[in-house]
Amino acid sequence: ALRAVRDGRKFATQADLEESIEVVIAGYQKKNQVLSNKEKLIVAYHEVGHALVAAMQSHSAPVHKITIIPRTSGALGYTMQVEDGEHYLMSKEELENKIATFTGGRAAEELIFHSITTG
């Protein structure tokens, strides 16, 4: 709703609501942060690595969004997975899937660029 008011609108859109959730998760967009084309490419492959690993798993939340827009949290991009419903306990398989997903970005960098970054 704040974004709508700042933009001079009298109503909030779905995009406004989604952005407010992303601000809580990853911080505000840093639109003035300029990455080189090479850095953008590395971040893009890194995030796709996370998403591909997540998509190939049977016990993993579906990928909702992938972005390479830097955020104030320090993230240069992120892959958002949204759980279906709420649950408080995780099985060993779910934990192993999360670990695999977390390392998917690094694996993609090594596969494509033959080196890794702080990603």
PDB file of N, CA and C in Angstrom:
ATOM      1  N   ALA A   1       0.821  -1.191   0.000  1.00  0.00           N
ATOM      2  CA  ALA A   1       0.000   0.000   0.000  1.00  0.00           C
ATOM      3  C   ALA A   1       0.868   1.259   0.000  1.00  0.00           C
ATOM      4  N   LEU A   2       1.983   1.233   0.735  1.00  0.00           N
ATOM      5  CA  LEU A   2       2.875   2.400   0.754  1.00  0.00           C
ATOM      6  C   LEU A   2       3.423   2.692  -0.639  1.00  0.00           C
ATOM      7  N   ARG A   3       3.761   1.643  -1.358  1.00  0.00           N
ATOM      8  CA  ARG A   3       4.284   1.806  -2.720  1.00  0.00           C
ATOM      9  C   ARG A   3       3.231   2.468  -3.618  1.00  0.00           C
ATOM     10  N   ALA A   4       1.975   2.080  -3.466  1.00  0.00           N
ATOM     11  CA  ALA A   4       0.896   2.671  -4.255  1.00  0.00           C
ATOM     12  C   ALA A   4       0.768   4.163  -3.957  1.00  0.00           C
ATOM     13  N   VAL A   5       0.820   4.529  -2.680  1.00  0.00           N
ATOM     14  CA  VAL A   5       0.718   5.941  -2.293  1.00  0.00           C
ATOM     15  C   VAL A   5       1.897   6.728  -2.847  1.00  0.00           C
ATOM     16  N   ARG A   6       3.111   6.162  -2.736  1.00  0.00           N
ATOM     17  CA  ARG A   6       4.298   6.849  -3.271  1.00  0.00           C
ATOM     18  C   ARG A   6       4.187   7.079  -4.772  1.00  0.00           C
ATOM     19  N   ASP A   7       3.513   6.140  -5.458  1.00  0.00           N
ATOM     20  CA  ASP A   7       3.335   6.261  -6.907  1.00  0.00           C
ATOM     21  C   ASP A   7       2.099   7.074  -7.276  1.00  0.00           C
ATOM     22  N   GLY A   8       1.411   7.628  -6.272  1.00  0.00           N
ATOM     23  CA  GLY A   8       0.244   8.470  -6.527  1.00  0.00           C
ATOM     24  C   GLY A   8      -1.013   7.690  -6.889  1.00  0.00           C
ATOM     25  N   ARG A   9      -1.066   6.415  -6.524  1.00  0.00           N
ATOM     26  CA  ARG A   9      -2.239   5.596  -6.829  1.00  0.00           C
ATOM     27  C   ARG A   9      -3.134   5.468  -5.605  1.00  0.00           C
ATOM     28  N   LYS A  10      -4.424   5.221  -5.843  1.00  0.00           N
ATOM     29  CA  LYS A  10      -5.387   5.089  -4.753  1.00  0.00           C
ATOM     30  C   LYS A  10      -5.648   3.632  -4.380  1.00  0.00           C
ATOM     31  N   PHE A  11      -4.963   2.718  -5.027  1.00  0.00           N
ATOM     32  CA  PHE A  11      -5.176   1.300  -4.746  1.00  0.00           C
ATOM     33  C   PHE A  11      -3.849   0.556  -4.860  1.00  0.00           C
ATOM     34  N   ALA A  12      -3.768  -0.555  -4.175  1.00  0.00           N
ATOM     35  CA  ALA A  12      -2.572  -1.404  -4.235  1.00  0.00           C
ATOM     36  C   ALA A  12      -2.819  -2.527  -5.239  1.00  0.00           C
ATOM     37  N   THR A  13      -1.793  -2.876  -5.972  1.00  0.00           N
ATOM     38  CA  THR A  13      -1.889  -3.948  -6.960  1.00  0.00           C
ATOM     39  C   THR A  13      -1.268  -5.233  -6.412  1.00  0.00           C
ATOM     40  N   GLN A  14      -1.452  -6.303  -7.142  1.00  0.00           N
ATOM     41  CA  GLN A  14      -0.818  -7.574  -6.785  1.00  0.00           C
ATOM     42  C   GLN A  14       0.696  -7.395  -6.731  1.00  0.00           C
ATOM     43  N   ALA A  15       1.250  -6.641  -7.681  1.00  0.00           N
ATOM     44  CA  ALA A  15       2.699  -6.393  -7.713  1.00  0.00           C
ATOM     45  C   ALA A  15       3.153  -5.658  -6.452  1.00  0.00           C
ATOM     46  N   ASP A  16       2.341  -4.727  -5.958  1.00  0.00           N
ATOM     47  CA  ASP A  16       2.670  -4.018  -4.714  1.00  0.00           C
ATOM     48  C   ASP A  16       2.752  -4.992  -3.541  1.00  0.00           C
ATOM     49  N   LEU A  17       1.804  -5.892  -3.464  1.00  0.00           N
ATOM     50  CA  LEU A  17       1.782  -6.866  -2.370  1.00  0.00           C
ATOM     51  C   LEU A  17       2.966  -7.822  -2.462  1.00  0.00           C
ATOM     52  N   GLU A  18       3.277  -8.279  -3.678  1.00  0.00           N
ATOM     53  CA  GLU A  18       4.422  -9.173  -3.856  1.00  0.00           C
ATOM     54  C   GLU A  18       5.725  -8.475  -3.490  1.00  0.00           C
ATOM     55  N   GLU A  19       5.860  -7.213  -3.891  1.00  0.00           N
ATOM     56  CA  GLU A  19       7.082  -6.469  -3.569  1.00  0.00           C
ATOM     57  C   GLU A  19       7.219  -6.287  -2.062  1.00  0.00           C
ATOM     58  N   SER A  20       6.108  -6.060  -1.362  1.00  0.00           N
ATOM     59  CA  SER A  20       6.194  -5.886   0.094  1.00  0.00           C
ATOM     60  C   SER A  20       6.671  -7.170   0.771  1.00  0.00           C
ATOM     61  N   ILE A  21       6.265  -8.315   0.258  1.00  0.00           N
ATOM     62  CA  ILE A  21       6.746  -9.596   0.800  1.00  0.00           C
ATOM     63  C   ILE A  21       8.237  -9.745   0.531  1.00  0.00           C
ATOM     64  N   GLU A  22       8.662  -9.383  -0.676  1.00  0.00           N
ATOM     65  CA  GLU A  22      10.077  -9.488  -1.028  1.00  0.00           C
ATOM     66  C   GLU A  22      10.941  -8.545  -0.194  1.00  0.00           C
ATOM     67  N   VAL A  23      10.415  -7.382   0.161  1.00  0.00           N
ATOM     68  CA  VAL A  23      11.161  -6.448   1.014  1.00  0.00           C
ATOM     69  C   VAL A  23      11.425  -7.093   2.369  1.00  0.00           C
ATOM     70  N   VAL A  24      10.435  -7.783   2.911  1.00  0.00           N
ATOM     71  CA  VAL A  24      10.608  -8.464   4.197  1.00  0.00           C
ATOM     72  C   VAL A  24      11.638  -9.582   4.065  1.00  0.00           C
ATOM     73  N   ILE A  25      11.584 -10.326   2.978  1.00  0.00           N
ATOM     74  CA  ILE A  25      12.481 -11.469   2.780  1.00  0.00           C
ATOM     75  C   ILE A  25      13.906 -11.030   2.453  1.00  0.00           C
ATOM     76  N   ALA A  26      14.056 -10.084   1.524  1.00  0.00           N
ATOM     77  CA  ALA A  26      15.389  -9.787   0.988  1.00  0.00           C
ATOM     78  C   ALA A  26      15.800  -8.320   1.047  1.00  0.00           C
ATOM     79  N   GLY A  27      14.949  -7.449   1.537  1.00  0.00           N
ATOM     80  CA  GLY A  27      15.288  -6.031   1.578  1.00  0.00           C
ATOM     81  C   GLY A  27      14.773  -5.297   0.345  1.00  0.00           C
ATOM     82  N   TYR A  28      14.992  -4.000   0.338  1.00  0.00           N
ATOM     83  CA  TYR A  28      14.550  -3.170  -0.781  1.00  0.00           C
ATOM     84  C   TYR A  28      15.447  -3.386  -1.997  1.00  0.00           C
ATOM     85  N   GLN A  29      14.894  -3.115  -3.177  1.00  0.00           N
ATOM     86  CA  GLN A  29      15.687  -3.187  -4.401  1.00  0.00           C
ATOM     87  C   GLN A  29      16.741  -2.086  -4.390  1.00  0.00           C
ATOM     88  N   LYS A  30      17.943  -2.433  -4.841  1.00  0.00           N
ATOM     89  CA  LYS A  30      19.007  -1.435  -4.978  1.00  0.00           C
ATOM     90  C   LYS A  30      19.178  -1.163  -6.465  1.00  0.00           C
ATOM     91  N   LYS A  31      18.254  -0.387  -7.006  1.00  0.00           N
ATOM     92  CA  LYS A  31      18.236  -0.136  -8.449  1.00  0.00           C
ATOM     93  C   LYS A  31      19.445   0.657  -8.917  1.00  0.00           C
ATOM     94  N   ASN A  32      20.086   1.383  -7.995  1.00  0.00           N
ATOM     95  CA  ASN A  32      21.247   2.190  -8.382  1.00  0.00           C
ATOM     96  C   ASN A  32      22.546   1.393  -8.339  1.00  0.00           C
ATOM     97  N   GLN A  33      22.511   0.151  -7.848  1.00  0.00           N
ATOM     98  CA  GLN A  33      23.714  -0.679  -7.823  1.00  0.00           C
ATOM     99  C   GLN A  33      23.923  -1.265  -9.212  1.00  0.00           C
ATOM    100  N   VAL A  34      25.052  -0.927  -9.811  1.00  0.00           N
ATOM    101  CA  VAL A  34      25.325  -1.345 -11.178  1.00  0.00           C
ATOM    102  C   VAL A  34      26.300  -2.514 -11.167  1.00  0.00           C
ATOM    103  N   LEU A  35      25.848  -3.642 -11.692  1.00  0.00           N
ATOM    104  CA  LEU A  35      26.714  -4.802 -11.856  1.00  0.00           C
ATOM    105  C   LEU A  35      27.215  -4.827 -13.292  1.00  0.00           C
ATOM    106  N   SER A  36      28.423  -5.320 -13.469  1.00  0.00           N
ATOM    107  CA  SER A  36      28.933  -5.480 -14.829  1.00  0.00           C
ATOM    108  C   SER A  36      28.143  -6.590 -15.512  1.00  0.00           C
ATOM    109  N   ASN A  37      28.224  -6.649 -16.836  1.00  0.00           N
ATOM    110  CA  ASN A  37      27.524  -7.703 -17.567  1.00  0.00           C
ATOM    111  C   ASN A  37      28.003  -9.082 -17.134  1.00  0.00           C
ATOM    112  N   LYS A  38      29.308  -9.211 -16.864  1.00  0.00           N
ATOM    113  CA  LYS A  38      29.844 -10.500 -16.418  1.00  0.00           C
ATOM    114  C   LYS A  38      29.266 -10.877 -15.055  1.00  0.00           C
ATOM    115  N   GLU A  39      29.187  -9.903 -14.140  1.00  0.00           N
ATOM    116  CA  GLU A  39      28.613 -10.173 -12.818  1.00  0.00           C
ATOM    117  C   GLU A  39      27.141 -10.573 -12.928  1.00  0.00           C
ATOM    118  N   LYS A  40      26.400  -9.888 -13.794  1.00  0.00           N
ATOM    119  CA  LYS A  40      24.994 -10.240 -13.999  1.00  0.00           C
ATOM    120  C   LYS A  40      24.868 -11.673 -14.505  1.00  0.00           C
ATOM    121  N   LEU A  41      25.746 -12.054 -15.426  1.00  0.00           N
ATOM    122  CA  LEU A  41      25.720 -13.405 -15.983  1.00  0.00           C
ATOM    123  C   LEU A  41      26.020 -14.445 -14.903  1.00  0.00           C
ATOM    124  N   ILE A  42      27.016 -14.161 -14.078  1.00  0.00           N
ATOM    125  CA  ILE A  42      27.367 -15.084 -12.991  1.00  0.00           C
ATOM    126  C   ILE A  42      26.200 -15.224 -12.016  1.00  0.00           C
ATOM    127  N   VAL A  43      25.608 -14.104 -11.623  1.00  0.00           N
ATOM    128  CA  VAL A  43      24.478 -14.140 -10.686  1.00  0.00           C
ATOM    129  C   VAL A  43      23.301 -14.894 -11.312  1.00  0.00           C
ATOM    130  N   ALA A  44      23.054 -14.670 -12.594  1.00  0.00           N
ATOM    131  CA  ALA A  44      21.945 -15.354 -13.272  1.00  0.00           C
ATOM    132  C   ALA A  44      22.151 -16.866 -13.276  1.00  0.00           C
ATOM    133  N   TYR A  45      23.338 -17.322 -13.650  1.00  0.00           N
ATOM    134  CA  TYR A  45      23.611 -18.760 -13.635  1.00  0.00           C
ATOM    135  C   TYR A  45      23.534 -19.312 -12.210  1.00  0.00           C
ATOM    136  N   HIS A  46      24.027 -18.550 -11.255  1.00  0.00           N
ATOM    137  CA  HIS A  46      23.992 -18.964  -9.849  1.00  0.00           C
ATOM    138  C   HIS A  46      22.546 -19.217  -9.403  1.00  0.00           C
ATOM    139  N   GLU A  47      21.671 -18.260  -9.689  1.00  0.00           N
ATOM    140  CA  GLU A  47      20.269 -18.389  -9.268  1.00  0.00           C
ATOM    141  C   GLU A  47      19.557 -19.508 -10.017  1.00  0.00           C
ATOM    142  N   VAL A  48      19.851 -19.660 -11.295  1.00  0.00           N
ATOM    143  CA  VAL A  48      19.251 -20.757 -12.060  1.00  0.00           C
ATOM    144  C   VAL A  48      19.726 -22.102 -11.514  1.00  0.00           C
ATOM    145  N   GLY A  49      20.971 -22.154 -11.038  1.00  0.00           N
ATOM    146  CA  GLY A  49      21.466 -23.378 -10.412  1.00  0.00           C
ATOM    147  C   GLY A  49      20.627 -23.772  -9.211  1.00  0.00           C
ATOM    148  N   HIS A  50      20.321 -22.798  -8.354  1.00  0.00           N
ATOM    149  CA  HIS A  50      19.437 -23.067  -7.212  1.00  0.00           C
ATOM    150  C   HIS A  50      18.083 -23.599  -7.704  1.00  0.00           C
ATOM    151  N   ALA A  51      17.510 -22.907  -8.692  1.00  0.00           N
ATOM    152  CA  ALA A  51      16.168 -23.246  -9.175  1.00  0.00           C
ATOM    153  C   ALA A  51      16.119 -24.625  -9.827  1.00  0.00           C
ATOM    154  N   LEU A  52      17.124 -24.956 -10.615  1.00  0.00           N
ATOM    155  CA  LEU A  52      17.137 -26.265 -11.279  1.00  0.00           C
ATOM    156  C   LEU A  52      17.217 -27.404 -10.271  1.00  0.00           C
ATOM    157  N   VAL A  53      18.073 -27.245  -9.286  1.00  0.00           N
ATOM    158  CA  VAL A  53      18.183 -28.290  -8.261  1.00  0.00           C
ATOM    159  C   VAL A  53      16.852 -28.425  -7.517  1.00  0.00           C
ATOM    160  N   ALA A  54      16.247 -27.311  -7.160  1.00  0.00           N
ATOM    161  CA  ALA A  54      14.959 -27.347  -6.451  1.00  0.00           C
ATOM    162  C   ALA A  54      13.882 -28.014  -7.305  1.00  0.00           C
ATOM    163  N   ALA A  55      13.859 -27.694  -8.585  1.00  0.00           N
ATOM    164  CA  ALA A  55      12.825 -28.227  -9.476  1.00  0.00           C
ATOM    165  C   ALA A  55      12.945 -29.730  -9.691  1.00  0.00           C
ATOM    166  N   MET A  56      14.143 -30.265  -9.557  1.00  0.00           N
ATOM    167  CA  MET A  56      14.364 -31.688  -9.806  1.00  0.00           C
ATOM    168  C   MET A  56      14.066 -32.565  -8.586  1.00  0.00           C
ATOM    169  N   GLN A  57      13.720 -31.955  -7.477  1.00  0.00           N
ATOM    170  CA  GLN A  57      13.499 -32.717  -6.247  1.00  0.00           C
ATOM    171  C   GLN A  57      12.020 -33.050  -6.053  1.00  0.00           C
ATOM    172  N   SER A  58      11.782 -34.161  -5.380  1.00  0.00           N
ATOM    173  CA  SER A  58      10.397 -34.576  -5.145  1.00  0.00           C
ATOM    174  C   SER A  58       9.816 -33.976  -3.858  1.00  0.00           C
ATOM    175  N   HIS A  59      10.645 -33.618  -2.905  1.00  0.00           N
ATOM    176  CA  HIS A  59      10.170 -33.055  -1.636  1.00  0.00           C
ATOM    177  C   HIS A  59      10.750 -31.659  -1.437  1.00  0.00           C
ATOM    178  N   SER A  60      10.407 -30.756  -2.339  1.00  0.00           N
ATOM    179  CA  SER A  60      10.935 -29.395  -2.275  1.00  0.00           C
ATOM    180  C   SER A  60       9.827 -28.419  -2.650  1.00  0.00           C
ATOM    181  N   ALA A  61       9.821 -27.259  -2.018  1.00  0.00           N
ATOM    182  CA  ALA A  61       8.827 -26.237  -2.349  1.00  0.00           C
ATOM    183  C   ALA A  61       9.035 -25.771  -3.786  1.00  0.00           C
ATOM    184  N   PRO A  62       7.951 -25.480  -4.501  1.00  0.00           N
ATOM    185  CA  PRO A  62       8.095 -25.017  -5.882  1.00  0.00           C
ATOM    186  C   PRO A  62       8.769 -23.643  -5.955  1.00  0.00           C
ATOM    187  N   VAL A  63       9.515 -23.437  -7.027  1.00  0.00           N
ATOM    188  CA  VAL A  63      10.161 -22.141  -7.254  1.00  0.00           C
ATOM    189  C   VAL A  63       9.086 -21.158  -7.693  1.00  0.00           C
ATOM    190  N   HIS A  64       9.012 -20.039  -6.996  1.00  0.00           N
ATOM    191  CA  HIS A  64       8.010 -19.013  -7.277  1.00  0.00           C
ATOM    192  C   HIS A  64       8.591 -17.885  -8.132  1.00  0.00           C
ATOM    193  N   LYS A  65       9.857 -17.532  -7.868  1.00  0.00           N
ATOM    194  CA  LYS A  65      10.446 -16.392  -8.569  1.00  0.00           C
ATOM    195  C   LYS A  65      11.961 -16.478  -8.528  1.00  0.00           C
ATOM    196  N   ILE A  66      12.583 -16.038  -9.616  1.00  0.00           N
ATOM    197  CA  ILE A  66      14.040 -15.901  -9.682  1.00  0.00           C
ATOM    198  C   ILE A  66      14.320 -14.466 -10.111  1.00  0.00           C
ATOM    199  N   THR A  67      15.251 -13.803  -9.427  1.00  0.00           N
ATOM    200  CA  THR A  67      15.600 -12.436  -9.801  1.00  0.00           C
ATOM    201  C   THR A  67      17.096 -12.203  -9.643  1.00  0.00           C
ATOM    202  N   ILE A  68      17.616 -11.279 -10.440  1.00  0.00           N
ATOM    203  CA  ILE A  68      19.012 -10.862 -10.281  1.00  0.00           C
ATOM    204  C   ILE A  68      19.078  -9.366  -9.973  1.00  0.00           C
ATOM    205  N   ILE A  69      18.023  -8.853  -9.381  1.00  0.00           N
ATOM    206  CA  ILE A  69      18.016  -7.458  -8.937  1.00  0.00           C
ATOM    207  C   ILE A  69      18.622  -7.413  -7.537  1.00  0.00           C
ATOM    208  N   PRO A  70      19.713  -6.667  -7.345  1.00  0.00           N
ATOM    209  CA  PRO A  70      20.341  -6.580  -6.015  1.00  0.00           C
ATOM    210  C   PRO A  70      19.373  -6.019  -4.975  1.00  0.00           C
ATOM    211  N   ARG A  71      19.538  -6.461  -3.733  1.00  0.00           N
ATOM    212  CA  ARG A  71      18.690  -6.037  -2.621  1.00  0.00           C
ATOM    213  C   ARG A  71      19.541  -5.458  -1.501  1.00  0.00           C
ATOM    214  N   THR A  72      18.909  -4.701  -0.618  1.00  0.00           N
ATOM    215  CA  THR A  72      19.637  -4.071   0.487  1.00  0.00           C
ATOM    216  C   THR A  72      20.157  -5.086   1.495  1.00  0.00           C
ATOM    217  N   SER A  73      19.682  -6.310   1.447  1.00  0.00           N
ATOM    218  CA  SER A  73      20.188  -7.359   2.343  1.00  0.00           C
ATOM    219  C   SER A  73      21.597  -7.782   1.951  1.00  0.00           C
ATOM    220  N   GLY A  74      22.046  -7.355   0.772  1.00  0.00           N
ATOM    221  CA  GLY A  74      23.354  -7.759   0.269  1.00  0.00           C
ATOM    222  C   GLY A  74      23.248  -8.801  -0.823  1.00  0.00           C
ATOM    223  N   ALA A  75      22.066  -9.367  -0.996  1.00  0.00           N
ATOM    224  CA  ALA A  75      21.871 -10.368  -2.048  1.00  0.00           C
ATOM    225  C   ALA A  75      21.923  -9.694  -3.416  1.00  0.00           C
ATOM    226  N   LEU A  76      22.643 -10.310  -4.343  1.00  0.00           N
ATOM    227  CA  LEU A  76      22.692  -9.797  -5.718  1.00  0.00           C
ATOM    228  C   LEU A  76      21.565 -10.392  -6.551  1.00  0.00           C
ATOM    229  N   GLY A  77      20.890 -11.357  -5.998  1.00  0.00           N
ATOM    230  CA  GLY A  77      19.755 -12.021  -6.617  1.00  0.00           C
ATOM    231  C   GLY A  77      19.271 -13.086  -5.662  1.00  0.00           C
ATOM    232  N   TYR A  78      18.154 -13.693  -5.957  1.00  0.00           N
ATOM    233  CA  TYR A  78      17.692 -14.796  -5.132  1.00  0.00           C
ATOM    234  C   TYR A  78      16.667 -15.626  -5.879  1.00  0.00           C
ATOM    235  N   THR A  79      16.504 -16.837  -5.406  1.00  0.00           N
ATOM    236  CA  THR A  79      15.500 -17.765  -5.912  1.00  0.00           C
ATOM    237  C   THR A  79      14.504 -17.988  -4.785  1.00  0.00           C
ATOM    238  N   MET A  80      13.262 -17.622  -5.024  1.00  0.00           N
ATOM    239  CA  MET A  80      12.235 -17.720  -3.986  1.00  0.00           C
ATOM    240  C   MET A  80      11.417 -19.000  -4.180  1.00  0.00           C
ATOM    241  N   GLN A  81      11.389 -19.806  -3.139  1.00  0.00           N
ATOM    242  CA  GLN A  81      10.537 -20.987  -3.116  1.00  0.00           C
ATOM    243  C   GLN A  81       9.427 -20.733  -2.112  1.00  0.00           C
ATOM    244  N   VAL A  82       8.212 -21.113  -2.457  1.00  0.00           N
ATOM    245  CA  VAL A  82       7.072 -20.895  -1.575  1.00  0.00           C
ATOM    246  C   VAL A  82       6.501 -22.250  -1.171  1.00  0.00           C
ATOM    247  N   GLU A  83       6.510 -22.488   0.127  1.00  0.00           N
ATOM    248  CA  GLU A  83       5.981 -23.743   0.671  1.00  0.00           C
ATOM    249  C   GLU A  83       4.469 -23.816   0.470  1.00  0.00           C
ATOM    250  N   ASP A  84       3.968 -25.002   0.199  1.00  0.00           N
ATOM    251  CA  ASP A  84       2.527 -25.240   0.141  1.00  0.00           C
ATOM    252  C   ASP A  84       2.043 -25.521   1.556  1.00  0.00           C
ATOM    253  N   GLY A  85       1.318 -24.593   2.142  1.00  0.00           N
ATOM    254  CA  GLY A  85       0.830 -24.776   3.501  1.00  0.00           C
ATOM    255  C   GLY A  85       1.930 -24.572   4.523  1.00  0.00           C
ATOM    256  N   GLU A  86       1.592 -24.844   5.771  1.00  0.00           N
ATOM    257  CA  GLU A  86       2.557 -24.688   6.858  1.00  0.00           C
ATOM    258  C   GLU A  86       2.881 -26.042   7.455  1.00  0.00           C
ATOM    259  N   HIS A  87       4.143 -26.254   7.732  1.00  0.00           N
ATOM    260  CA  HIS A  87       4.534 -27.409   8.528  1.00  0.00           C
ATOM    261  C   HIS A  87       5.756 -27.016   9.336  1.00  0.00           C
ATOM    262  N   TYR A  88       5.887 -27.627  10.499  1.00  0.00           N
ATOM    263  CA  TYR A  88       6.903 -27.205  11.450  1.00  0.00           C
ATOM    264  C   TYR A  88       8.074 -28.165  11.563  1.00  0.00           C
ATOM    265  N   LEU A  89       7.868 -29.385  11.131  1.00  0.00           N
ATOM    266  CA  LEU A  89       8.936 -30.374  11.174  1.00  0.00           C
ATOM    267  C   LEU A  89       9.411 -30.668   9.760  1.00  0.00           C
ATOM    268  N   MET A  90      10.701 -30.963   9.635  1.00  0.00           N
ATOM    269  CA  MET A  90      11.251 -31.322   8.328  1.00  0.00           C
ATOM    270  C   MET A  90      11.851 -32.716   8.416  1.00  0.00           C
ATOM    271  N   SER A  91      11.608 -33.495   7.380  1.00  0.00           N
ATOM    272  CA  SER A  91      12.194 -34.830   7.329  1.00  0.00           C
ATOM    273  C   SER A  91      13.660 -34.720   6.920  1.00  0.00           C
ATOM    274  N   LYS A  92      14.388 -35.793   7.091  1.00  0.00           N
ATOM    275  CA  LYS A  92      15.788 -35.829   6.671  1.00  0.00           C
ATOM    276  C   LYS A  92      15.886 -35.551   5.172  1.00  0.00           C
ATOM    277  N   GLU A  93      14.966 -36.122   4.387  1.00  0.00           N
ATOM    278  CA  GLU A  93      14.979 -35.912   2.936  1.00  0.00           C
ATOM    279  C   GLU A  93      14.747 -34.443   2.584  1.00  0.00           C
ATOM    280  N   GLU A  94      13.824 -33.792   3.285  1.00  0.00           N
ATOM    281  CA  GLU A  94      13.569 -32.370   3.039  1.00  0.00           C
ATOM    282  C   GLU A  94      14.800 -31.530   3.367  1.00  0.00           C
ATOM    283  N   LEU A  95      15.467 -31.848   4.463  1.00  0.00           N
ATOM    284  CA  LEU A  95      16.685 -31.118   4.831  1.00  0.00           C
ATOM    285  C   LEU A  95      17.792 -31.332   3.804  1.00  0.00           C
ATOM    286  N   GLU A  96      17.956 -32.569   3.359  1.00  0.00           N
ATOM    287  CA  GLU A  96      18.968 -32.850   2.336  1.00  0.00           C
ATOM    288  C   GLU A  96      18.648 -32.115   1.039  1.00  0.00           C
ATOM    289  N   ASN A  97      17.362 -32.025   0.699  1.00  0.00           N
ATOM    290  CA  ASN A  97      16.960 -31.271  -0.491  1.00  0.00           C
ATOM    291  C   ASN A  97      17.298 -29.793  -0.347  1.00  0.00           C
ATOM    292  N   LYS A  98      17.058 -29.227   0.839  1.00  0.00           N
ATOM    293  CA  LYS A  98      17.400 -27.815   1.072  1.00  0.00           C
ATOM    294  C   LYS A  98      18.895 -27.583   0.917  1.00  0.00           C
ATOM    295  N   ILE A  99      19.695 -28.464   1.495  1.00  0.00           N
ATOM    296  CA  ILE A  99      21.154 -28.333   1.383  1.00  0.00           C
ATOM    297  C   ILE A  99      21.578 -28.421  -0.076  1.00  0.00           C
ATOM    298  N   ALA A 100      21.010 -29.368  -0.810  1.00  0.00           N
ATOM    299  CA  ALA A 100      21.334 -29.503  -2.234  1.00  0.00           C
ATOM    300  C   ALA A 100      20.953 -28.239  -2.996  1.00  0.00           C
ATOM    301  N   THR A 101      19.782 -27.682  -2.692  1.00  0.00           N
ATOM    302  CA  THR A 101      19.342 -26.452  -3.359  1.00  0.00           C
ATOM    303  C   THR A 101      20.282 -25.294  -3.041  1.00  0.00           C
ATOM    304  N   PHE A 102      20.688 -25.184  -1.777  1.00  0.00           N
ATOM    305  CA  PHE A 102      21.604 -24.113  -1.385  1.00  0.00           C
ATOM    306  C   PHE A 102      22.924 -24.200  -2.147  1.00  0.00           C
ATOM    307  N   THR A 103      23.389 -25.406  -2.410  1.00  0.00           N
ATOM    308  CA  THR A 103      24.677 -25.567  -3.098  1.00  0.00           C
ATOM    309  C   THR A 103      24.536 -25.565  -4.620  1.00  0.00           C
ATOM    310  N   GLY A 104      23.303 -25.556  -5.118  1.00  0.00           N
ATOM    311  CA  GLY A 104      23.076 -25.571  -6.563  1.00  0.00           C
ATOM    312  C   GLY A 104      23.641 -24.363  -7.284  1.00  0.00           C
ATOM    313  N   GLY A 105      23.620 -23.204  -6.650  1.00  0.00           N
ATOM    314  CA  GLY A 105      24.162 -21.989  -7.269  1.00  0.00           C
ATOM    315  C   GLY A 105      25.658 -22.094  -7.471  1.00  0.00           C
ATOM    316  N   ARG A 106      26.323 -22.556  -6.452  1.00  0.00           N
ATOM    317  CA  ARG A 106      27.778 -22.718  -6.517  1.00  0.00           C
ATOM    318  C   ARG A 106      28.155 -23.764  -7.568  1.00  0.00           C
ATOM    319  N   ALA A 107      27.398 -24.852  -7.622  1.00  0.00           N
ATOM    320  CA  ALA A 107      27.665 -25.910  -8.603  1.00  0.00           C
ATOM    321  C   ALA A 107      27.499 -25.387 -10.027  1.00  0.00           C
ATOM    322  N   ALA A 108      26.478 -24.575 -10.252  1.00  0.00           N
ATOM    323  CA  ALA A 108      26.255 -24.004 -11.584  1.00  0.00           C
ATOM    324  C   ALA A 108      27.417 -23.104 -11.994  1.00  0.00           C
ATOM    325  N   GLU A 109      27.892 -22.284 -11.066  1.00  0.00           N
ATOM    326  CA  GLU A 109      29.039 -21.417 -11.365  1.00  0.00           C
ATOM    327  C   GLU A 109      30.257 -22.242 -11.763  1.00  0.00           C
ATOM    328  N   GLU A 110      30.530 -23.285 -10.998  1.00  0.00           N
ATOM    329  CA  GLU A 110      31.703 -24.108 -11.282  1.00  0.00           C
ATOM    330  C   GLU A 110      31.561 -24.819 -12.625  1.00  0.00           C
ATOM    331  N   LEU A 111      30.358 -25.280 -12.929  1.00  0.00           N
ATOM    332  CA  LEU A 111      30.102 -25.978 -14.186  1.00  0.00           C
ATOM    333  C   LEU A 111      30.275 -25.055 -15.394  1.00  0.00           C
ATOM    334  N   ILE A 112      29.751 -23.850 -15.300  1.00  0.00           N
ATOM    335  CA  ILE A 112      29.763 -22.920 -16.436  1.00  0.00           C
ATOM    336  C   ILE A 112      31.058 -22.123 -16.526  1.00  0.00           C
ATOM    337  N   PHE A 113      31.536 -21.607 -15.396  1.00  0.00           N
ATOM    338  CA  PHE A 113      32.677 -20.686 -15.403  1.00  0.00           C
ATOM    339  C   PHE A 113      33.979 -21.317 -14.906  1.00  0.00           C
ATOM    340  N   HIS A 114      33.918 -22.548 -14.423  1.00  0.00           N
ATOM    341  CA  HIS A 114      35.089 -23.260 -13.887  1.00  0.00           C
ATOM    342  C   HIS A 114      35.726 -22.517 -12.715  1.00  0.00           C
ATOM    343  N   SER A 115      34.916 -21.740 -12.014  1.00  0.00           N
ATOM    344  CA  SER A 115      35.347 -21.068 -10.789  1.00  0.00           C
ATOM    345  C   SER A 115      34.092 -20.723 -10.002  1.00  0.00           C
ATOM    346  N   ILE A 116      34.278 -20.387  -8.731  1.00  0.00           N
ATOM    347  CA  ILE A 116      33.139 -20.028  -7.892  1.00  0.00           C
ATOM    348  C   ILE A 116      33.353 -18.649  -7.282  1.00  0.00           C
ATOM    349  N   THR A 117      32.252 -18.033  -6.892  1.00  0.00           N
ATOM    350  CA  THR A 117      32.306 -16.715  -6.256  1.00  0.00           C
ATOM    351  C   THR A 117      31.641 -16.815  -4.885  1.00  0.00           C
ATOM    352  N   THR A 118      31.523 -15.686  -4.226  1.00  0.00           N
ATOM    353  CA  THR A 118      30.826 -15.645  -2.942  1.00  0.00           C
ATOM    354  C   THR A 118      29.323 -15.733  -3.141  1.00  0.00           C
ATOM    355  N   GLY A 119      28.880 -15.637  -4.396  1.00  0.00           N
ATOM    356  CA  GLY A 119      27.506 -15.879  -4.818  1.00  0.00           C
ATOM    357  C   GLY A 119      26.470 -15.362  -3.934  1.00  0.00           C
TER     358      GLY A 119
END
